[in-house]
PDB file of N, CA and C in Angstrom:
ATOM      1  N   MET A   1       1.005  34.939  28.953  1.00  0.00           N
ATOM      2  CA  MET A   1       0.882  33.627  28.348  1.00  0.00           C
ATOM      3  C   MET A   1       1.972  32.739  28.931  1.00  0.00           C
ATOM      4  N   SER A   2       1.580  31.567  29.382  1.00  0.00           N
ATOM      5  CA  SER A   2       2.557  30.653  29.957  1.00  0.00           C
ATOM      6  C   SER A   2       3.334  29.951  28.848  1.00  0.00           C
ATOM      7  N   VAL A   3       4.442  29.337  29.231  1.00  0.00           N
ATOM      8  CA  VAL A   3       5.280  28.624  28.277  1.00  0.00           C
ATOM      9  C   VAL A   3       4.502  27.459  27.658  1.00  0.00           C
ATOM     10  N   GLN A   4       3.712  26.761  28.461  1.00  0.00           N
ATOM     11  CA  GLN A   4       2.935  25.633  27.965  1.00  0.00           C
ATOM     12  C   GLN A   4       1.927  26.080  26.896  1.00  0.00           C
ATOM     13  N   GLU A   5       1.254  27.198  27.098  1.00  0.00           N
ATOM     14  CA  GLU A   5       0.299  27.694  26.112  1.00  0.00           C
ATOM     15  C   GLU A   5       1.002  28.103  24.826  1.00  0.00           C
ATOM     16  N   GLU A   6       2.170  28.711  24.968  1.00  0.00           N
ATOM     17  CA  GLU A   6       2.922  29.155  23.800  1.00  0.00           C
ATOM     18  C   GLU A   6       3.361  27.958  22.954  1.00  0.00           C
ATOM     19  N   VAL A   7       3.850  26.913  23.591  1.00  0.00           N
ATOM     20  CA  VAL A   7       4.276  25.717  22.868  1.00  0.00           C
ATOM     21  C   VAL A   7       3.080  25.055  22.192  1.00  0.00           C
ATOM     22  N   LEU A   8       1.955  24.940  22.878  1.00  0.00           N
ATOM     23  CA  LEU A   8       0.758  24.343  22.308  1.00  0.00           C
ATOM     24  C   LEU A   8       0.281  25.132  21.092  1.00  0.00           C
ATOM     25  N   GLU A   9       0.349  26.443  21.180  1.00  0.00           N
ATOM     26  CA  GLU A   9      -0.057  27.284  20.056  1.00  0.00           C
ATOM     27  C   GLU A   9       0.834  27.037  18.848  1.00  0.00           C
ATOM     28  N   LYS A  10       2.130  26.885  19.048  1.00  0.00           N
ATOM     29  CA  LYS A  10       3.048  26.629  17.939  1.00  0.00           C
ATOM     30  C   LYS A  10       2.792  25.263  17.324  1.00  0.00           C
ATOM     31  N   VAL A  11       2.521  24.258  18.113  1.00  0.00           N
ATOM     32  CA  VAL A  11       2.248  22.920  17.599  1.00  0.00           C
ATOM     33  C   VAL A  11       0.981  22.918  16.759  1.00  0.00           C
ATOM     34  N   LEU A  12      -0.064  23.569  17.202  1.00  0.00           N
ATOM     35  CA  LEU A  12      -1.311  23.622  16.448  1.00  0.00           C
ATOM     36  C   LEU A  12      -1.125  24.344  15.122  1.00  0.00           C
ATOM     37  N   THR A  13      -0.303  25.371  15.083  1.00  0.00           N
ATOM     38  CA  THR A  13      -0.034  26.101  13.856  1.00  0.00           C
ATOM     39  C   THR A  13       0.673  25.209  12.848  1.00  0.00           C
ATOM     40  N   VAL A  14       1.637  24.428  13.280  1.00  0.00           N
ATOM     41  CA  VAL A  14       2.366  23.532  12.385  1.00  0.00           C
ATOM     42  C   VAL A  14       1.432  22.462  11.836  1.00  0.00           C
ATOM     43  N   GLU A  15       0.552  21.913  12.652  1.00  0.00           N
ATOM     44  CA  GLU A  15      -0.368  20.884  12.192  1.00  0.00           C
ATOM     45  C   GLU A  15      -1.309  21.410  11.115  1.00  0.00           C
ATOM     46  N   LYS A  16      -1.754  22.633  11.224  1.00  0.00           N
ATOM     47  CA  LYS A  16      -2.691  23.196  10.256  1.00  0.00           C
ATOM     48  C   LYS A  16      -2.027  23.446   8.909  1.00  0.00           C
ATOM     49  N   THR A  17      -0.743  23.788   8.883  1.00  0.00           N
ATOM     50  CA  THR A  17      -0.085  24.118   7.629  1.00  0.00           C
ATOM     51  C   THR A  17       0.375  22.884   6.861  1.00  0.00           C
ATOM     52  N   ASN A  18       0.528  21.743   7.504  1.00  0.00           N
ATOM     53  CA  ASN A  18       0.981  20.522   6.839  1.00  0.00           C
ATOM     54  C   ASN A  18      -0.190  19.600   6.547  1.00  0.00           C
ATOM     55  N   LYS A  19      -1.110  20.076   5.716  1.00  0.00           N
ATOM     56  CA  LYS A  19      -2.292  19.273   5.384  1.00  0.00           C
ATOM     57  C   LYS A  19      -1.876  18.105   4.510  1.00  0.00           C
ATOM     58  N   GLU A  20      -2.363  16.938   4.853  1.00  0.00           N
ATOM     59  CA  GLU A  20      -2.079  15.764   4.056  1.00  0.00           C
ATOM     60  C   GLU A  20      -3.269  15.457   3.156  1.00  0.00           C
ATOM     61  N   TYR A  21      -2.965  15.008   1.971  1.00  0.00           N
ATOM     62  CA  TYR A  21      -3.971  14.650   0.983  1.00  0.00           C
ATOM     63  C   TYR A  21      -3.919  13.145   0.748  1.00  0.00           C
ATOM     64  N   GLU A  22      -4.915  12.621   0.043  1.00  0.00           N
ATOM     65  CA  GLU A  22      -4.966  11.199  -0.264  1.00  0.00           C
ATOM     66  C   GLU A  22      -5.253  10.998  -1.746  1.00  0.00           C
ATOM     67  N   ILE A  23      -4.607   9.997  -2.318  1.00  0.00           N
ATOM     68  CA  ILE A  23      -4.996   9.546  -3.649  1.00  0.00           C
ATOM     69  C   ILE A  23      -6.078   8.489  -3.443  1.00  0.00           C
ATOM     70  N   ILE A  24      -7.231   8.737  -4.037  1.00  0.00           N
ATOM     71  CA  ILE A  24      -8.344   7.794  -3.976  1.00  0.00           C
ATOM     72  C   ILE A  24      -8.458   7.121  -5.342  1.00  0.00           C
ATOM     73  N   VAL A  25      -8.450   5.796  -5.349  1.00  0.00           N
ATOM     74  CA  VAL A  25      -8.628   5.026  -6.580  1.00  0.00           C
ATOM     75  C   VAL A  25     -10.027   4.413  -6.539  1.00  0.00           C
ATOM     76  N   TYR A  26     -10.713   4.497  -7.671  1.00  0.00           N
ATOM     77  CA  TYR A  26     -12.095   4.044  -7.775  1.00  0.00           C
ATOM     78  C   TYR A  26     -12.206   2.761  -8.597  1.00  0.00           C
ATOM     79  N   ASN A  27     -13.200   1.976  -8.274  1.00  0.00           N
ATOM     80  CA  ASN A  27     -13.460   0.741  -8.993  1.00  0.00           C
ATOM     81  C   ASN A  27     -14.003   1.041 -10.390  1.00  0.00           C
ATOM     82  N   ASP A  28     -13.695   0.167 -11.325  1.00  0.00           N
ATOM     83  CA  ASP A  28     -14.280   0.255 -12.661  1.00  0.00           C
ATOM     84  C   ASP A  28     -14.459  -1.165 -13.199  1.00  0.00           C
ATOM     85  N   ASP A  29     -15.029  -1.269 -14.371  1.00  0.00           N
ATOM     86  CA  ASP A  29     -15.273  -2.579 -14.979  1.00  0.00           C
ATOM     87  C   ASP A  29     -14.250  -2.909 -16.064  1.00  0.00           C
ATOM     88  N   TYR A  30     -13.163  -2.157 -16.139  1.00  0.00           N
ATOM     89  CA  TYR A  30     -12.229  -2.298 -17.248  1.00  0.00           C
ATOM     90  C   TYR A  30     -10.869  -2.857 -16.851  1.00  0.00           C
ATOM     91  N   ASN A  31     -10.339  -2.418 -15.724  1.00  0.00           N
ATOM     92  CA  ASN A  31      -8.978  -2.798 -15.340  1.00  0.00           C
ATOM     93  C   ASN A  31      -8.969  -4.111 -14.565  1.00  0.00           C
ATOM     94  N   THR A  32      -7.964  -4.927 -14.852  1.00  0.00           N
ATOM     95  CA  THR A  32      -7.826  -6.198 -14.156  1.00  0.00           C
ATOM     96  C   THR A  32      -7.171  -5.981 -12.792  1.00  0.00           C
ATOM     97  N   PHE A  33      -7.343  -6.966 -11.929  1.00  0.00           N
ATOM     98  CA  PHE A  33      -6.694  -6.916 -10.624  1.00  0.00           C
ATOM     99  C   PHE A  33      -5.179  -6.785 -10.789  1.00  0.00           C
ATOM    100  N   ASP A  34      -4.616  -7.584 -11.685  1.00  0.00           N
ATOM    101  CA  ASP A  34      -3.164  -7.562 -11.881  1.00  0.00           C
ATOM    102  C   ASP A  34      -2.667  -6.200 -12.340  1.00  0.00           C
ATOM    103  N   HIS A  35      -3.413  -5.565 -13.238  1.00  0.00           N
ATOM    104  CA  HIS A  35      -3.009  -4.246 -13.725  1.00  0.00           C
ATOM    105  C   HIS A  35      -3.018  -3.217 -12.594  1.00  0.00           C
ATOM    106  N   VAL A  36      -4.067  -3.218 -11.778  1.00  0.00           N
ATOM    107  CA  VAL A  36      -4.150  -2.265 -10.667  1.00  0.00           C
ATOM    108  C   VAL A  36      -3.057  -2.553  -9.643  1.00  0.00           C
ATOM    109  N   ILE A  37      -2.833  -3.820  -9.333  1.00  0.00           N
ATOM    110  CA  ILE A  37      -1.778  -4.192  -8.380  1.00  0.00           C
ATOM    111  C   ILE A  37      -0.424  -3.726  -8.883  1.00  0.00           C
ATOM    112  N   ASP A  38      -0.109  -4.024 -10.140  1.00  0.00           N
ATOM    113  CA  ASP A  38       1.187  -3.610 -10.709  1.00  0.00           C
ATOM    114  C   ASP A  38       1.343  -2.095 -10.704  1.00  0.00           C
ATOM    115  N   THR A  39       0.262  -1.383 -10.991  1.00  0.00           N
ATOM    116  CA  THR A  39       0.310   0.080 -11.003  1.00  0.00           C
ATOM    117  C   THR A  39       0.556   0.628  -9.604  1.00  0.00           C
ATOM    118  N   LEU A  40      -0.108   0.083  -8.601  1.00  0.00           N
ATOM    119  CA  LEU A  40       0.095   0.550  -7.223  1.00  0.00           C
ATOM    120  C   LEU A  40       1.508   0.253  -6.742  1.00  0.00           C
ATOM    121  N   ILE A  41       2.055  -0.881  -7.139  1.00  0.00           N
ATOM    122  CA  ILE A  41       3.429  -1.210  -6.752  1.00  0.00           C
ATOM    123  C   ILE A  41       4.409  -0.212  -7.367  1.00  0.00           C
ATOM    124  N   SER A  42       4.215   0.096  -8.632  1.00  0.00           N
ATOM    125  CA  SER A  42       5.181   0.963  -9.317  1.00  0.00           C
ATOM    126  C   SER A  42       4.997   2.447  -9.009  1.00  0.00           C
ATOM    127  N   THR A  43       3.772   2.890  -8.763  1.00  0.00           N
ATOM    128  CA  THR A  43       3.558   4.330  -8.569  1.00  0.00           C
ATOM    129  C   THR A  43       3.479   4.756  -7.111  1.00  0.00           C
ATOM    130  N   CYS A  44       3.005   3.878  -6.243  1.00  0.00           N
ATOM    131  CA  CYS A  44       2.786   4.249  -4.835  1.00  0.00           C
ATOM    132  C   CYS A  44       3.767   3.570  -3.888  1.00  0.00           C
ATOM    133  N   ASP A  45       4.720   2.833  -4.437  1.00  0.00           N
ATOM    134  CA  ASP A  45       5.725   2.128  -3.634  1.00  0.00           C
ATOM    135  C   ASP A  45       5.095   1.111  -2.681  1.00  0.00           C
ATOM    136  N   HIS A  46       3.989   0.505  -3.099  1.00  0.00           N
ATOM    137  CA  HIS A  46       3.368  -0.540  -2.290  1.00  0.00           C
ATOM    138  C   HIS A  46       4.146  -1.837  -2.446  1.00  0.00           C
ATOM    139  N   ASN A  47       4.109  -2.669  -1.411  1.00  0.00           N
ATOM    140  CA  ASN A  47       4.608  -4.029  -1.583  1.00  0.00           C
ATOM    141  C   ASN A  47       3.455  -4.838  -2.176  1.00  0.00           C
ATOM    142  N   PRO A  48       3.714  -6.033  -2.693  1.00  0.00           N
ATOM    143  CA  PRO A  48       2.643  -6.789  -3.359  1.00  0.00           C
ATOM    144  C   PRO A  48       1.426  -7.068  -2.479  1.00  0.00           C
ATOM    145  N   ILE A  49       1.631  -7.353  -1.220  1.00  0.00           N
ATOM    146  CA  ILE A  49       0.497  -7.641  -0.338  1.00  0.00           C
ATOM    147  C   ILE A  49      -0.348  -6.387  -0.120  1.00  0.00           C
ATOM    148  N   GLN A  50       0.297  -5.269   0.109  1.00  0.00           N
ATOM    149  CA  GLN A  50      -0.423  -4.004   0.316  1.00  0.00           C
ATOM    150  C   GLN A  50      -1.212  -3.635  -0.939  1.00  0.00           C
ATOM    151  N   ALA A  51      -0.600  -3.792  -2.104  1.00  0.00           N
ATOM    152  CA  ALA A  51      -1.278  -3.471  -3.357  1.00  0.00           C
ATOM    153  C   ALA A  51      -2.489  -4.389  -3.575  1.00  0.00           C
ATOM    154  N   GLU A  52      -2.328  -5.657  -3.244  1.00  0.00           N
ATOM    155  CA  GLU A  52      -3.444  -6.599  -3.389  1.00  0.00           C
ATOM    156  C   GLU A  52      -4.584  -6.250  -2.440  1.00  0.00           C
ATOM    157  N   GLN A  53      -4.263  -5.889  -1.205  1.00  0.00           N
ATOM    158  CA  GLN A  53      -5.303  -5.518  -0.241  1.00  0.00           C
ATOM    159  C   GLN A  53      -6.051  -4.266  -0.690  1.00  0.00           C
ATOM    160  N   CYS A  54      -5.316  -3.267  -1.189  1.00  0.00           N
ATOM    161  CA  CYS A  54      -5.974  -2.060  -1.697  1.00  0.00           C
ATOM    162  C   CYS A  54      -6.877  -2.389  -2.874  1.00  0.00           C
ATOM    163  N   THR A  55      -6.406  -3.262  -3.748  1.00  0.00           N
ATOM    164  CA  THR A  55      -7.195  -3.635  -4.919  1.00  0.00           C
ATOM    165  C   THR A  55      -8.485  -4.348  -4.507  1.00  0.00           C
ATOM    166  N   LEU A  56      -8.413  -5.194  -3.499  1.00  0.00           N
ATOM    167  CA  LEU A  56      -9.620  -5.861  -2.997  1.00  0.00           C
ATOM    168  C   LEU A  56     -10.588  -4.842  -2.386  1.00  0.00           C
ATOM    169  N   LEU A  57     -10.066  -3.869  -1.637  1.00  0.00           N
ATOM    170  CA  LEU A  57     -10.926  -2.816  -1.086  1.00  0.00           C
ATOM    171  C   LEU A  57     -11.580  -2.004  -2.196  1.00  0.00           C
ATOM    172  N   ILE A  58     -10.819  -1.694  -3.229  1.00  0.00           N
ATOM    173  CA  ILE A  58     -11.365  -0.952  -4.367  1.00  0.00           C
ATOM    174  C   ILE A  58     -12.510  -1.752  -4.997  1.00  0.00           C
ATOM    175  N   HIS A  59     -12.285  -3.035  -5.177  1.00  0.00           N
ATOM    176  CA  HIS A  59     -13.289  -3.885  -5.821  1.00  0.00           C
ATOM    177  C   HIS A  59     -14.563  -4.004  -4.983  1.00  0.00           C
ATOM    178  N   TYR A  60     -14.406  -4.249  -3.689  1.00  0.00           N
ATOM    179  CA  TYR A  60     -15.576  -4.532  -2.855  1.00  0.00           C
ATOM    180  C   TYR A  60     -16.257  -3.298  -2.271  1.00  0.00           C
ATOM    181  N   THR A  61     -15.522  -2.204  -2.074  1.00  0.00           N
ATOM    182  CA  THR A  61     -16.146  -1.007  -1.494  1.00  0.00           C
ATOM    183  C   THR A  61     -16.300   0.127  -2.502  1.00  0.00           C
ATOM    184  N   GLY A  62     -15.679  -0.013  -3.663  1.00  0.00           N
ATOM    185  CA  GLY A  62     -15.822   0.999  -4.700  1.00  0.00           C
ATOM    186  C   GLY A  62     -14.703   2.009  -4.746  1.00  0.00           C
ATOM    187  N   LYS A  63     -13.902   2.077  -3.682  1.00  0.00           N
ATOM    188  CA  LYS A  63     -12.781   3.024  -3.676  1.00  0.00           C
ATOM    189  C   LYS A  63     -11.843   2.694  -2.528  1.00  0.00           C
ATOM    190  N   CYS A  64     -10.636   3.264  -2.601  1.00  0.00           N
ATOM    191  CA  CYS A  64      -9.656   3.074  -1.530  1.00  0.00           C
ATOM    192  C   CYS A  64      -8.637   4.204  -1.589  1.00  0.00           C
ATOM    193  N   ALA A  65      -8.256   4.715  -0.418  1.00  0.00           N
ATOM    194  CA  ALA A  65      -7.159   5.679  -0.333  1.00  0.00           C
ATOM    195  C   ALA A  65      -5.861   4.883  -0.418  1.00  0.00           C
ATOM    196  N   VAL A  66      -5.121   5.061  -1.505  1.00  0.00           N
ATOM    197  CA  VAL A  66      -3.940   4.235  -1.744  1.00  0.00           C
ATOM    198  C   VAL A  66      -2.635   4.899  -1.344  1.00  0.00           C
ATOM    199  N   LYS A  67      -2.651   6.217  -1.161  1.00  0.00           N
ATOM    200  CA  LYS A  67      -1.425   6.920  -0.773  1.00  0.00           C
ATOM    201  C   LYS A  67      -1.806   8.222  -0.091  1.00  0.00           C
ATOM    202  N   THR A  68      -1.120   8.547   0.990  1.00  0.00           N
ATOM    203  CA  THR A  68      -1.343   9.784   1.737  1.00  0.00           C
ATOM    204  C   THR A  68      -0.049  10.575   1.748  1.00  0.00           C
ATOM    205  N   GLY A  69      -0.165  11.897   1.639  1.00  0.00           N
ATOM    206  CA  GLY A  69       1.036  12.724   1.677  1.00  0.00           C
ATOM    207  C   GLY A  69       0.749  14.148   1.272  1.00  0.00           C
ATOM    208  N   GLU A  70       1.825  14.855   0.957  1.00  0.00           N
ATOM    209  CA  GLU A  70       1.712  16.244   0.530  1.00  0.00           C
ATOM    210  C   GLU A  70       1.370  16.307  -0.955  1.00  0.00           C
ATOM    211  N   MET A  71       0.716  17.369  -1.335  1.00  0.00           N
ATOM    212  CA  MET A  71       0.220  17.515  -2.704  1.00  0.00           C
ATOM    213  C   MET A  71       1.337  17.378  -3.745  1.00  0.00           C
ATOM    214  N   ASN A  72       2.497  17.990  -3.483  1.00  0.00           N
ATOM    215  CA  ASN A  72       3.581  17.948  -4.484  1.00  0.00           C
ATOM    216  C   ASN A  72       4.133  16.543  -4.685  1.00  0.00           C
ATOM    217  N   ASP A  73       3.965  15.645  -3.716  1.00  0.00           N
ATOM    218  CA  ASP A  73       4.376  14.255  -3.874  1.00  0.00           C
ATOM    219  C   ASP A  73       3.290  13.434  -4.576  1.00  0.00           C
ATOM    220  N   LEU A  74       2.034  13.753  -4.289  1.00  0.00           N
ATOM    221  CA  LEU A  74       0.936  12.940  -4.809  1.00  0.00           C
ATOM    222  C   LEU A  74       0.559  13.257  -6.257  1.00  0.00           C
ATOM    223  N   LYS A  75       0.749  14.491  -6.695  1.00  0.00           N
ATOM    224  CA  LYS A  75       0.345  14.863  -8.063  1.00  0.00           C
ATOM    225  C   LYS A  75       0.981  13.979  -9.134  1.00  0.00           C
ATOM    226  N   PRO A  76       2.311  13.804  -9.140  1.00  0.00           N
ATOM    227  CA  PRO A  76       2.885  12.952 -10.192  1.00  0.00           C
ATOM    228  C   PRO A  76       2.473  11.485 -10.061  1.00  0.00           C
ATOM    229  N   ARG A  77       2.271  11.026  -8.837  1.00  0.00           N
ATOM    230  CA  ARG A  77       1.825   9.643  -8.636  1.00  0.00           C
ATOM    231  C   ARG A  77       0.414   9.456  -9.192  1.00  0.00           C
ATOM    232  N   CYS A  78      -0.469  10.393  -8.896  1.00  0.00           N
ATOM    233  CA  CYS A  78      -1.844  10.313  -9.392  1.00  0.00           C
ATOM    234  C   CYS A  78      -1.869  10.393 -10.918  1.00  0.00           C
ATOM    235  N   SER A  79      -1.030  11.227 -11.484  1.00  0.00           N
ATOM    236  CA  SER A  79      -0.954  11.325 -12.952  1.00  0.00           C
ATOM    237  C   SER A  79      -0.558   9.997 -13.576  1.00  0.00           C
ATOM    238  N   LYS A  80       0.388   9.290 -12.963  1.00  0.00           N
ATOM    239  CA  LYS A  80       0.804   7.984 -13.484  1.00  0.00           C
ATOM    240  C   LYS A  80      -0.333   6.966 -13.379  1.00  0.00           C
ATOM    241  N   ILE A  81      -1.089   7.031 -12.291  1.00  0.00           N
ATOM    242  CA  ILE A  81      -2.234   6.122 -12.136  1.00  0.00           C
ATOM    243  C   ILE A  81      -3.272   6.415 -13.222  1.00  0.00           C
ATOM    244  N   LEU A  82      -3.545   7.687 -13.454  1.00  0.00           N
ATOM    245  CA  LEU A  82      -4.510   8.080 -14.487  1.00  0.00           C
ATOM    246  C   LEU A  82      -3.998   7.669 -15.874  1.00  0.00           C
ATOM    247  N   ASP A  83      -2.704   7.847 -16.126  1.00  0.00           N
ATOM    248  CA  ASP A  83      -2.123   7.451 -17.412  1.00  0.00           C
ATOM    249  C   ASP A  83      -2.238   5.941 -17.649  1.00  0.00           C
ATOM    250  N   ALA A  84      -2.306   5.176 -16.561  1.00  0.00           N
ATOM    251  CA  ALA A  84      -2.469   3.730 -16.675  1.00  0.00           C
ATOM    252  C   ALA A  84      -3.922   3.335 -16.930  1.00  0.00           C
ATOM    253  N   GLY A  85      -4.813   4.331 -17.017  1.00  0.00           N
ATOM    254  CA  GLY A  85      -6.213   4.062 -17.308  1.00  0.00           C
ATOM    255  C   GLY A  85      -7.065   3.755 -16.095  1.00  0.00           C
ATOM    256  N   ILE A  86      -6.545   4.071 -14.916  1.00  0.00           N
ATOM    257  CA  ILE A  86      -7.256   3.809 -13.668  1.00  0.00           C
ATOM    258  C   ILE A  86      -7.841   5.113 -13.174  1.00  0.00           C
ATOM    259  N   THR A  87      -9.076   5.077 -12.701  1.00  0.00           N
ATOM    260  CA  THR A  87      -9.757   6.267 -12.217  1.00  0.00           C
ATOM    261  C   THR A  87      -9.282   6.604 -10.814  1.00  0.00           C
ATOM    262  N   ALA A  88      -8.775   7.842 -10.644  1.00  0.00           N
ATOM    263  CA  ALA A  88      -8.253   8.271  -9.341  1.00  0.00           C
ATOM    264  C   ALA A  88      -8.352   9.774  -9.228  1.00  0.00           C
ATOM    265  N   GLU A  89      -8.299  10.255  -7.985  1.00  0.00           N
ATOM    266  CA  GLU A  89      -8.251  11.677  -7.732  1.00  0.00           C
ATOM    267  C   GLU A  89      -7.564  11.923  -6.399  1.00  0.00           C
ATOM    268  N   ILE A  90      -7.148  13.169  -6.209  1.00  0.00           N
ATOM    269  CA  ILE A  90      -6.527  13.574  -4.948  1.00  0.00           C
ATOM    270  C   ILE A  90      -7.559  14.357  -4.151  1.00  0.00           C
ATOM    271  N   LEU A  91      -7.761  13.943  -2.916  1.00  0.00           N
ATOM    272  CA  LEU A  91      -8.676  14.653  -2.007  1.00  0.00           C
ATOM    273  C   LEU A  91      -7.919  15.103  -0.777  1.00  0.00           C
TER     274      LEU A  91
END
């Protein structure tokens, strides 16, 4: 096995073990734009413009991936979104 093949094999192994997940927020008929924007700012560390853009995507397309990362980081964030009455899940 050449050095190049060995390095490539190690890189592929690292990529497979660091799977990233997404918090998906879904549209509903109950939450206001302001409530969703404020929730995304406080739970996902969005700036106001980013939160507003995500909220518009949620409204017009029915859902939006609002945060990407490792499961242990996303679980508490998703719980806070759910506690705020917003429909979300981690995929």
